[in-house]
Protein backbone atom coordinates (compact mmCIF):
# COMPACT_ATOMS: atom_id res chain seq x y z
CA MET A 1 -58.61 28.83 -70.84
CA SER A 2 -58.46 32.59 -70.81
CA ASP A 3 -56.54 34.58 -68.22
CA LYS A 4 -59.88 35.80 -66.81
CA LYS A 5 -60.79 32.21 -65.96
CA HIS A 6 -57.43 31.77 -64.28
CA GLU A 7 -58.14 34.82 -62.08
CA ARG A 8 -60.86 32.74 -60.44
CA ARG A 9 -58.25 30.13 -59.50
CA ILE A 10 -55.51 32.53 -58.34
CA TYR A 11 -56.20 35.25 -55.77
CA VAL A 12 -55.33 38.63 -57.29
CA PRO A 13 -55.64 41.47 -54.73
CA PRO A 14 -57.40 44.69 -55.81
CA GLY A 15 -55.04 46.90 -57.82
CA HIS A 16 -52.75 43.97 -58.67
CA GLU A 17 -52.41 42.30 -62.07
CA LEU A 18 -52.17 38.66 -63.18
CA ARG A 19 -49.59 38.25 -65.96
CA ARG A 20 -49.01 35.15 -68.05
CA THR A 21 -45.24 34.53 -68.28
CA GLY A 22 -45.17 31.39 -70.42
CA GLY A 23 -46.59 28.01 -71.17
CA GLU A 24 -46.02 24.64 -72.71
CA SER A 25 -47.85 21.49 -73.75
CA VAL A 26 -46.85 17.98 -72.81
CA ARG A 27 -48.26 14.75 -74.25
CA SER A 28 -47.62 11.39 -72.65
CA GLU A 29 -49.40 8.04 -72.54
CA GLY A 30 -52.96 9.11 -73.14
CA VAL A 31 -52.84 12.46 -71.33
CA ASP A 32 -52.47 15.93 -72.83
CA THR A 33 -51.29 18.53 -70.32
CA ARG A 34 -51.22 22.27 -70.83
CA ILE A 35 -48.92 24.06 -68.35
CA SER A 36 -49.26 27.83 -67.89
CA TYR A 37 -47.02 30.09 -65.83
CA PHE A 38 -48.28 33.27 -64.15
CA GLU A 39 -47.13 35.97 -61.80
CA VAL A 40 -49.09 38.44 -59.68
CA VAL A 41 -47.67 41.95 -59.89
CA ASP A 42 -48.39 44.83 -57.48
CA PRO A 43 -49.22 48.37 -58.69
CA SER A 44 -45.54 49.39 -58.55
CA GLY A 45 -44.55 46.48 -60.83
CA GLY A 46 -43.07 44.21 -58.16
CA ARG A 47 -43.77 40.50 -58.34
CA VAL A 48 -45.66 39.28 -55.27
CA GLY A 49 -46.42 35.72 -56.34
CA ARG A 50 -45.75 33.05 -58.99
CA TYR A 51 -48.08 30.24 -59.99
CA VAL A 52 -48.23 27.21 -62.26
CA ILE A 53 -51.55 25.91 -63.59
CA ARG A 54 -51.69 22.40 -65.07
CA GLU A 55 -54.71 21.41 -67.14
CA ALA A 56 -54.67 17.67 -67.88
CA ARG A 57 -57.09 15.84 -70.17
CA ALA A 58 -57.23 12.15 -70.99
CA THR A 59 -57.22 11.40 -74.70
CA ASP A 60 -59.07 8.09 -74.19
CA ALA A 61 -62.55 7.44 -72.79
CA PRO A 62 -63.85 8.46 -70.30
CA PHE A 63 -61.90 11.68 -71.12
CA ALA A 64 -61.28 12.72 -67.51
CA ALA A 65 -59.86 16.18 -66.87
CA SER A 66 -58.21 17.96 -63.95
CA VAL A 67 -56.84 21.39 -63.13
CA THR A 68 -54.07 21.91 -60.57
CA VAL A 69 -52.87 25.28 -59.25
CA GLU A 70 -49.49 25.43 -57.54
CA ALA A 71 -47.87 28.42 -55.83
CA VAL A 72 -44.15 28.62 -56.63
CA GLU A 73 -41.74 30.24 -54.19
């Protein structure tokens, strides 16, 4: 998923920026999970929020998928 698609999932106030800070992939028992880390930065460069997005997809039929967004404090 592109960062633009993630902007639909995370509220980014006008003038603020969504920055990707990292990511990883985890594979376990029929599920592939992509974990992405983001922060929302204000115009002066201060971090105002951190988020984790988990995109999980089953590797076996019926190939279910889910997306979870979590605010990190």
